[in-house]
């Protein structure tokens, strides 16, 4: 009898929200579907106290940090811009998970808010509101369908991100009003929006840590004709499978 190896488990961060009058844990289905299509088993993780991070990551082979609310500016020593809507419990949980993933060199894919919270967790800052603080920037939160590719991104050739995507130039969707500001030494900027230079991708400066962050939402684009976003999840799955 042939025994097949079980697909790897990966932790997927979630938010909380009042839905139909009750507080609930929530993550968009697109994340879990993209991971399942890549051959992984997603395990949804609610916001937890920081001291739970080791227990969570001890049972999985990878971490996905998902999109959502703003990161509280107090986490990087700034006063909040009026537009900021933070989720303090989620900040605590995800910062701890990212730092624990770094300690373990656990493959990590950080998406939209995910790249922002990773930047903060590792010592960086954020642009709190692109429209008011970068007035010459293009619209990064337009009113478009979630699978609409609305602006171009240039990726550094030879970067791990370019290798994962299979290209150094792509068109992406966009749903964010914040962006990476100062980037810490633990990360390398590897992608920017072509039109305004806003940071769109970063990766770990430590080659032993497979960690990629993107500012767009690749999970919403895996059904489009272009292969780039499917490639990204496939690259994450390969990194996870090596654990």
C-alpha atoms as a PDB file:
ATOM      1  CA  UNK A   1       0.000   0.000   0.000  1.00  0.00           C
ATOM      2  CA  UNK A   2       1.331   3.455  -0.927  1.00  0.00           C
ATOM      3  CA  UNK A   3       1.363   5.936   1.923  1.00  0.00           C
ATOM      4  CA  UNK A   4       1.190   9.547   0.799  1.00  0.00           C
ATOM      5  CA  UNK A   5       2.684  12.328   2.894  1.00  0.00           C
ATOM      6  CA  UNK A   6       0.115  14.665   4.402  1.00  0.00           C
ATOM      7  CA  UNK A   7       0.069  18.186   2.960  1.00  0.00           C
ATOM      8  CA  UNK A   8       1.944  20.703   5.149  1.00  0.00           C
ATOM      9  CA  UNK A   9       0.025  22.835   7.625  1.00  0.00           C
ATOM     10  CA  UNK A  10       0.442  26.612   7.483  1.00  0.00           C
ATOM     11  CA  UNK A  11      -0.832  29.188   9.983  1.00  0.00           C
ATOM     12  CA  UNK A  12      -3.017  31.945   8.497  1.00  0.00           C
ATOM     13  CA  UNK A  13      -3.681  35.016  10.615  1.00  0.00           C
ATOM     14  CA  UNK A  14      -7.233  36.290  11.009  1.00  0.00           C
ATOM     15  CA  UNK A  15      -9.029  39.329  12.349  1.00  0.00           C
ATOM     16  CA  UNK A  16     -12.136  39.719  14.500  1.00  0.00           C
ATOM     17  CA  UNK A  17     -15.317  41.482  13.476  1.00  0.00           C
ATOM     18  CA  UNK A  18     -18.896  41.932  14.626  1.00  0.00           C
ATOM     19  CA  UNK A  19     -20.951  39.938  12.108  1.00  0.00           C
ATOM     20  CA  UNK A  20     -24.718  39.447  12.515  1.00  0.00           C
ATOM     21  CA  UNK A  21     -24.497  40.891  16.020  1.00  0.00           C
ATOM     22  CA  UNK A  22     -21.766  38.598  17.354  1.00  0.00           C
ATOM     23  CA  UNK A  23     -17.953  38.952  17.542  1.00  0.00           C
ATOM     24  CA  UNK A  24     -16.400  36.442  15.153  1.00  0.00           C
ATOM     25  CA  UNK A  25     -13.011  35.362  13.840  1.00  0.00           C
ATOM     26  CA  UNK A  26     -12.771  36.118  10.112  1.00  0.00           C
ATOM     27  CA  UNK A  27     -10.402  35.634   7.206  1.00  0.00           C
ATOM     28  CA  UNK A  28     -11.262  36.053   3.533  1.00  0.00           C
ATOM     29  CA  UNK A  29     -11.879  32.757   1.755  1.00  0.00           C
ATOM     30  CA  UNK A  30      -9.517  33.756  -1.068  1.00  0.00           C
ATOM     31  CA  UNK A  31      -6.503  33.167   1.204  1.00  0.00           C
ATOM     32  CA  UNK A  32      -7.429  29.646   2.187  1.00  0.00           C
ATOM     33  CA  UNK A  33      -8.478  28.714  -1.340  1.00  0.00           C
ATOM     34  CA  UNK A  34      -5.162  29.951  -2.779  1.00  0.00           C
ATOM     35  CA  UNK A  35      -3.213  27.952  -0.196  1.00  0.00           C
ATOM     36  CA  UNK A  36      -5.243  24.791  -0.751  1.00  0.00           C
ATOM     37  CA  UNK A  37      -4.707  25.140  -4.509  1.00  0.00           C
ATOM     38  CA  UNK A  38      -0.962  25.319  -3.816  1.00  0.00           C
ATOM     39  CA  UNK A  39      -1.085  22.012  -1.933  1.00  0.00           C
ATOM     40  CA  UNK A  40      -1.127  23.374   1.613  1.00  0.00           C
ATOM     41  CA  UNK A  41      -3.543  23.024   4.535  1.00  0.00           C
ATOM     42  CA  UNK A  42      -4.413  26.424   6.066  1.00  0.00           C
ATOM     43  CA  UNK A  43      -4.973  26.648   9.812  1.00  0.00           C
ATOM     44  CA  UNK A  44      -6.744  29.890  10.735  1.00  0.00           C
ATOM     45  CA  UNK A  45      -5.265  31.597  13.806  1.00  0.00           C
ATOM     46  CA  UNK A  46      -7.261  34.275  15.660  1.00  0.00           C
ATOM     47  CA  UNK A  47      -5.562  37.187  17.434  1.00  0.00           C
ATOM     48  CA  UNK A  48      -3.849  35.645  20.467  1.00  0.00           C
ATOM     49  CA  UNK A  49      -1.681  36.922  23.322  1.00  0.00           C
ATOM     50  CA  UNK A  50       1.958  37.271  22.300  1.00  0.00           C
ATOM     51  CA  UNK A  51       3.093  34.384  24.483  1.00  0.00           C
ATOM     52  CA  UNK A  52       1.110  31.947  22.313  1.00  0.00           C
ATOM     53  CA  UNK A  53       3.266  32.516  19.218  1.00  0.00           C
ATOM     54  CA  UNK A  54       5.713  29.691  19.879  1.00  0.00           C
ATOM     55  CA  UNK A  55       2.895  27.198  20.445  1.00  0.00           C
ATOM     56  CA  UNK A  56       1.171  28.230  17.202  1.00  0.00           C
ATOM     57  CA  UNK A  57       4.269  28.005  15.035  1.00  0.00           C
ATOM     58  CA  UNK A  58       5.545  24.851  16.670  1.00  0.00           C
ATOM     59  CA  UNK A  59       2.801  22.894  14.918  1.00  0.00           C
ATOM     60  CA  UNK A  60       3.041  24.327  11.384  1.00  0.00           C
ATOM     61  CA  UNK A  61       5.520  24.533   8.521  1.00  0.00           C
ATOM     62  CA  UNK A  62       4.783  28.091   7.408  1.00  0.00           C
ATOM     63  CA  UNK A  63       3.075  31.388   8.248  1.00  0.00           C
ATOM     64  CA  UNK A  64       0.809  33.644   6.169  1.00  0.00           C
ATOM     65  CA  UNK A  65       0.127  37.124   7.565  1.00  0.00           C
ATOM     66  CA  UNK A  66      -3.007  38.488   5.924  1.00  0.00           C
ATOM     67  CA  UNK A  67      -4.433  41.891   5.055  1.00  0.00           C
ATOM     68  CA  UNK A  68      -6.816  44.010   7.080  1.00  0.00           C
ATOM     69  CA  UNK A  69      -6.699  46.881   9.539  1.00  0.00           C
ATOM     70  CA  UNK A  70      -3.961  49.474  10.034  1.00  0.00           C
ATOM     71  CA  UNK A  71      -1.089  48.813  12.422  1.00  0.00           C
ATOM     72  CA  UNK A  72      -1.287  51.097  15.482  1.00  0.00           C
ATOM     73  CA  UNK A  73       1.294  53.898  15.034  1.00  0.00           C
ATOM     74  CA  UNK A  74       2.228  53.595  18.712  1.00  0.00           C
ATOM     75  CA  UNK A  75       3.985  50.369  17.649  1.00  0.00           C
ATOM     76  CA  UNK A  76       6.535  52.480  15.781  1.00  0.00           C
ATOM     77  CA  UNK A  77       6.566  55.542  18.028  1.00  0.00           C
ATOM     78  CA  UNK A  78       4.201  57.897  16.203  1.00  0.00           C
ATOM     79  CA  UNK A  79       0.922  59.626  16.917  1.00  0.00           C
ATOM     80  CA  UNK A  80      -2.015  58.285  14.927  1.00  0.00           C
ATOM     81  CA  UNK A  81      -3.185  60.013  11.755  1.00  0.00           C
ATOM     82  CA  UNK A  82      -6.973  60.662  11.826  1.00  0.00           C
ATOM     83  CA  UNK A  83      -7.557  58.015   9.147  1.00  0.00           C
ATOM     84  CA  UNK A  84      -5.937  55.167  11.103  1.00  0.00           C
ATOM     85  CA  UNK A  85      -8.174  52.276  12.195  1.00  0.00           C
ATOM     86  CA  UNK A  86      -6.081  49.858  14.232  1.00  0.00           C
ATOM     87  CA  UNK A  87      -6.686  46.458  15.854  1.00  0.00           C
ATOM     88  CA  UNK A  88      -4.396  46.382  18.889  1.00  0.00           C
ATOM     89  CA  UNK A  89      -4.943  42.722  19.762  1.00  0.00           C
ATOM     90  CA  UNK A  90      -4.156  41.698  16.216  1.00  0.00           C
ATOM     91  CA  UNK A  91      -1.007  43.837  16.244  1.00  0.00           C
ATOM     92  CA  UNK A  92       0.206  42.085  19.391  1.00  0.00           C
ATOM     93  CA  UNK A  93      -0.490  38.641  17.976  1.00  0.00           C
ATOM     94  CA  UNK A  94       1.022  39.157  14.533  1.00  0.00           C
ATOM     95  CA  UNK A  95       4.132  40.997  15.719  1.00  0.00           C
ATOM     96  CA  UNK A  96       4.847  38.089  18.050  1.00  0.00           C
ATOM     97  CA  UNK A  97       4.230  35.557  15.275  1.00  0.00           C
ATOM     98  CA  UNK A  98       6.543  37.358  12.869  1.00  0.00           C
ATOM     99  CA  UNK A  99       9.325  37.610  15.428  1.00  0.00           C
ATOM    100  CA  UNK A 100       8.920  33.935  16.289  1.00  0.00           C
ATOM    101  CA  UNK A 101       8.914  33.005  12.592  1.00  0.00           C
ATOM    102  CA  UNK A 102      12.151  34.974  12.192  1.00  0.00           C
ATOM    103  CA  UNK A 103      13.681  33.164  15.159  1.00  0.00           C
ATOM    104  CA  UNK A 104      12.730  29.797  13.682  1.00  0.00           C
ATOM    105  CA  UNK A 105      13.477  30.854  10.065  1.00  0.00           C
ATOM    106  CA  UNK A 106       9.962  29.616   9.270  1.00  0.00           C
ATOM    107  CA  UNK A 107       8.780  30.353   5.695  1.00  0.00           C
ATOM    108  CA  UNK A 108       6.583  33.438   5.834  1.00  0.00           C
ATOM    109  CA  UNK A 109       4.356  35.121   3.261  1.00  0.00           C
ATOM    110  CA  UNK A 110       3.152  38.595   4.301  1.00  0.00           C
ATOM    111  CA  UNK A 111       0.301  40.154   2.319  1.00  0.00           C
ATOM    112  CA  UNK A 112      -0.845  43.817   2.327  1.00  0.00           C
ATOM    113  CA  UNK A 113      -1.238  44.602   6.051  1.00  0.00           C
ATOM    114  CA  UNK A 114       1.068  41.611   6.463  1.00  0.00           C
ATOM    115  CA  UNK A 115       4.054  43.354   4.838  1.00  0.00           C
ATOM    116  CA  UNK A 116       3.303  46.444   6.933  1.00  0.00           C
ATOM    117  CA  UNK A 117       3.142  44.617  10.260  1.00  0.00           C
ATOM    118  CA  UNK A 118       6.287  42.665   9.342  1.00  0.00           C
ATOM    119  CA  UNK A 119       8.088  45.932   8.674  1.00  0.00           C
ATOM    120  CA  UNK A 120       6.989  47.280  12.063  1.00  0.00           C
ATOM    121  CA  UNK A 121       7.767  44.035  13.899  1.00  0.00           C
ATOM    122  CA  UNK A 122      11.327  44.117  12.573  1.00  0.00           C
ATOM    123  CA  UNK A 123      11.895  47.773  13.497  1.00  0.00           C
ATOM    124  CA  UNK A 124      10.496  49.873  10.645  1.00  0.00           C
ATOM    125  CA  UNK A 125       7.811  52.532  10.245  1.00  0.00           C
ATOM    126  CA  UNK A 126       4.819  53.177   7.981  1.00  0.00           C
ATOM    127  CA  UNK A 127       3.414  55.959   5.851  1.00  0.00           C
ATOM    128  CA  UNK A 128       0.146  56.284   7.760  1.00  0.00           C
ATOM    129  CA  UNK A 129      -1.971  57.729   4.946  1.00  0.00           C
ATOM    130  CA  UNK A 130      -0.771  57.802   1.342  1.00  0.00           C
ATOM    131  CA  UNK A 131      -3.278  60.382  -0.004  1.00  0.00           C
ATOM    132  CA  UNK A 132      -2.387  63.038   2.585  1.00  0.00           C
ATOM    133  CA  UNK A 133       1.274  62.221   3.211  1.00  0.00           C
ATOM    134  CA  UNK A 134       2.278  61.332  -0.359  1.00  0.00           C
ATOM    135  CA  UNK A 135      -0.048  63.610  -2.365  1.00  0.00           C
ATOM    136  CA  UNK A 136       1.775  62.968  -5.648  1.00  0.00           C
ATOM    137  CA  UNK A 137       1.158  59.206  -5.401  1.00  0.00           C
ATOM    138  CA  UNK A 138      -1.350  57.400  -7.583  1.00  0.00           C
ATOM    139  CA  UNK A 139      -4.540  56.013  -6.050  1.00  0.00           C
ATOM    140  CA  UNK A 140      -3.556  52.877  -4.128  1.00  0.00           C
ATOM    141  CA  UNK A 141      -7.074  52.185  -2.850  1.00  0.00           C
ATOM    142  CA  UNK A 142      -9.259  52.693  -5.932  1.00  0.00           C
ATOM    143  CA  UNK A 143     -12.853  51.539  -6.191  1.00  0.00           C
ATOM    144  CA  UNK A 144     -12.159  48.556  -8.442  1.00  0.00           C
ATOM    145  CA  UNK A 145     -13.023  44.844  -8.335  1.00  0.00           C
ATOM    146  CA  UNK A 146     -10.710  42.787  -6.153  1.00  0.00           C
ATOM    147  CA  UNK A 147      -9.255  40.968  -9.154  1.00  0.00           C
ATOM    148  CA  UNK A 148      -8.656  44.115 -11.218  1.00  0.00           C
ATOM    149  CA  UNK A 149      -4.997  44.772 -12.060  1.00  0.00           C
ATOM    150  CA  UNK A 150      -4.757  48.546 -11.711  1.00  0.00           C
ATOM    151  CA  UNK A 151      -1.077  49.575 -11.587  1.00  0.00           C
ATOM    152  CA  UNK A 152       2.365  48.338 -12.570  1.00  0.00           C
ATOM    153  CA  UNK A 153       5.042  47.101 -10.197  1.00  0.00           C
ATOM    154  CA  UNK A 154       8.749  46.784 -10.944  1.00  0.00           C
ATOM    155  CA  UNK A 155      10.546  43.975  -9.067  1.00  0.00           C
ATOM    156  CA  UNK A 156      14.326  43.883  -8.572  1.00  0.00           C
ATOM    157  CA  UNK A 157      15.774  41.313 -10.997  1.00  0.00           C
ATOM    158  CA  UNK A 158      17.593  38.575  -9.143  1.00  0.00           C
ATOM    159  CA  UNK A 159      15.574  39.059  -5.954  1.00  0.00           C
ATOM    160  CA  UNK A 160      13.839  36.144  -4.274  1.00  0.00           C
ATOM    161  CA  UNK A 161      10.534  37.883  -4.995  1.00  0.00           C
ATOM    162  CA  UNK A 162      11.252  38.095  -8.727  1.00  0.00           C
ATOM    163  CA  UNK A 163      12.190  34.425  -8.733  1.00  0.00           C
ATOM    164  CA  UNK A 164       8.968  33.505  -6.934  1.00  0.00           C
ATOM    165  CA  UNK A 165       6.758  35.558  -9.259  1.00  0.00           C
ATOM    166  CA  UNK A 166       8.599  34.530 -12.402  1.00  0.00           C
ATOM    167  CA  UNK A 167       8.847  38.143 -13.579  1.00  0.00           C
ATOM    168  CA  UNK A 168      10.393  41.498 -12.747  1.00  0.00           C
ATOM    169  CA  UNK A 169       7.412  43.523 -14.006  1.00  0.00           C
ATOM    170  CA  UNK A 170       3.770  42.859 -13.256  1.00  0.00           C
ATOM    171  CA  UNK A 171       0.432  44.580 -12.899  1.00  0.00           C
ATOM    172  CA  UNK A 172      -1.334  44.225  -9.563  1.00  0.00           C
ATOM    173  CA  UNK A 173      -4.538  44.992  -7.703  1.00  0.00           C
ATOM    174  CA  UNK A 174      -4.351  47.555  -4.882  1.00  0.00           C
ATOM    175  CA  UNK A 175      -6.314  48.071  -1.649  1.00  0.00           C
ATOM    176  CA  UNK A 176      -4.223  50.053   0.832  1.00  0.00           C
ATOM    177  CA  UNK A 177      -3.981  53.598   2.156  1.00  0.00           C
ATOM    178  CA  UNK A 178      -0.755  52.936   4.086  1.00  0.00           C
ATOM    179  CA  UNK A 179       2.695  51.897   2.902  1.00  0.00           C
ATOM    180  CA  UNK A 180       6.132  51.002   4.185  1.00  0.00           C
ATOM    181  CA  UNK A 181       8.123  53.994   5.422  1.00  0.00           C
ATOM    182  CA  UNK A 182      11.551  53.379   6.922  1.00  0.00           C
ATOM    183  CA  UNK A 183      12.586  49.786   6.240  1.00  0.00           C
ATOM    184  CA  UNK A 184      14.775  48.030   8.836  1.00  0.00           C
ATOM    185  CA  UNK A 185      18.061  46.266   8.091  1.00  0.00           C
ATOM    186  CA  UNK A 186      16.327  42.888   8.478  1.00  0.00           C
ATOM    187  CA  UNK A 187      14.379  43.549   5.245  1.00  0.00           C
ATOM    188  CA  UNK A 188      15.319  44.470   1.681  1.00  0.00           C
ATOM    189  CA  UNK A 189      13.014  46.506  -0.560  1.00  0.00           C
ATOM    190  CA  UNK A 190      12.525  44.454  -3.719  1.00  0.00           C
ATOM    191  CA  UNK A 191       9.549  46.029  -5.519  1.00  0.00           C
ATOM    192  CA  UNK A 192       8.053  49.476  -6.086  1.00  0.00           C
ATOM    193  CA  UNK A 193       5.076  50.895  -7.937  1.00  0.00           C
ATOM    194  CA  UNK A 194       6.265  52.111 -11.332  1.00  0.00           C
ATOM    195  CA  UNK A 195       4.246  55.344 -11.275  1.00  0.00           C
ATOM    196  CA  UNK A 196       5.205  56.734  -7.853  1.00  0.00           C
ATOM    197  CA  UNK A 197       7.859  54.559  -6.192  1.00  0.00           C
ATOM    198  CA  UNK A 198       5.642  53.386  -3.324  1.00  0.00           C
ATOM    199  CA  UNK A 199       7.115  50.191  -1.866  1.00  0.00           C
ATOM    200  CA  UNK A 200       5.237  47.133  -3.124  1.00  0.00           C
ATOM    201  CA  UNK A 201       7.504  44.272  -2.075  1.00  0.00           C
ATOM    202  CA  UNK A 202      10.178  43.340   0.447  1.00  0.00           C
ATOM    203  CA  UNK A 203      11.982  40.226   1.588  1.00  0.00           C
ATOM    204  CA  UNK A 204      14.214  39.031   4.370  1.00  0.00           C
ATOM    205  CA  UNK A 205      17.824  40.192   4.233  1.00  0.00           C
ATOM    206  CA  UNK A 206      18.766  36.843   5.789  1.00  0.00           C
ATOM    207  CA  UNK A 207      19.013  34.231   3.018  1.00  0.00           C
ATOM    208  CA  UNK A 208      18.263  31.530   5.592  1.00  0.00           C
ATOM    209  CA  UNK A 209      14.766  32.981   6.168  1.00  0.00           C
ATOM    210  CA  UNK A 210      12.328  32.554   3.254  1.00  0.00           C
ATOM    211  CA  UNK A 211      10.177  35.593   3.894  1.00  0.00           C
ATOM    212  CA  UNK A 212       8.411  37.542   1.145  1.00  0.00           C
ATOM    213  CA  UNK A 213       6.074  40.471   1.594  1.00  0.00           C
ATOM    214  CA  UNK A 214       3.845  42.057  -1.045  1.00  0.00           C
ATOM    215  CA  UNK A 215       1.620  45.110  -0.769  1.00  0.00           C
ATOM    216  CA  UNK A 216      -1.024  43.843  -3.181  1.00  0.00           C
ATOM    217  CA  UNK A 217      -3.479  40.949  -2.738  1.00  0.00           C
ATOM    218  CA  UNK A 218      -2.180  37.953  -4.750  1.00  0.00           C
ATOM    219  CA  UNK A 219      -4.804  35.634  -3.287  1.00  0.00           C
ATOM    220  CA  UNK A 220      -7.439  37.543  -5.291  1.00  0.00           C
ATOM    221  CA  UNK A 221      -5.513  37.105  -8.556  1.00  0.00           C
ATOM    222  CA  UNK A 222      -4.793  33.367  -8.721  1.00  0.00           C
ATOM    223  CA  UNK A 223      -7.705  32.850 -11.137  1.00  0.00           C
ATOM    224  CA  UNK A 224      -6.532  35.438 -13.659  1.00  0.00           C
ATOM    225  CA  UNK A 225      -4.725  34.439 -16.883  1.00  0.00           C
ATOM    226  CA  UNK A 226      -1.391  35.808 -15.665  1.00  0.00           C
ATOM    227  CA  UNK A 227       0.653  33.233 -13.686  1.00  0.00           C
ATOM    228  CA  UNK A 228       2.514  35.580 -11.351  1.00  0.00           C
ATOM    229  CA  UNK A 229       0.336  35.276  -8.271  1.00  0.00           C
ATOM    230  CA  UNK A 230      -0.141  31.523  -8.594  1.00  0.00           C
ATOM    231  CA  UNK A 231       3.643  31.360  -8.903  1.00  0.00           C
ATOM    232  CA  UNK A 232       4.024  33.232  -5.618  1.00  0.00           C
ATOM    233  CA  UNK A 233       1.867  30.739  -3.708  1.00  0.00           C
ATOM    234  CA  UNK A 234       3.631  27.845  -5.417  1.00  0.00           C
ATOM    235  CA  UNK A 235       7.015  29.245  -4.340  1.00  0.00           C
ATOM    236  CA  UNK A 236       5.754  29.555  -0.765  1.00  0.00           C
ATOM    237  CA  UNK A 237       4.511  25.965  -0.909  1.00  0.00           C
ATOM    238  CA  UNK A 238       7.946  24.778  -2.092  1.00  0.00           C
ATOM    239  CA  UNK A 239       9.648  26.600   0.758  1.00  0.00           C
ATOM    240  CA  UNK A 240       7.170  25.127   3.250  1.00  0.00           C
ATOM    241  CA  UNK A 241       7.627  21.614   1.870  1.00  0.00           C
ATOM    242  CA  UNK A 242      11.352  21.791   2.572  1.00  0.00           C
ATOM    243  CA  UNK A 243      10.753  22.180   6.318  1.00  0.00           C
END
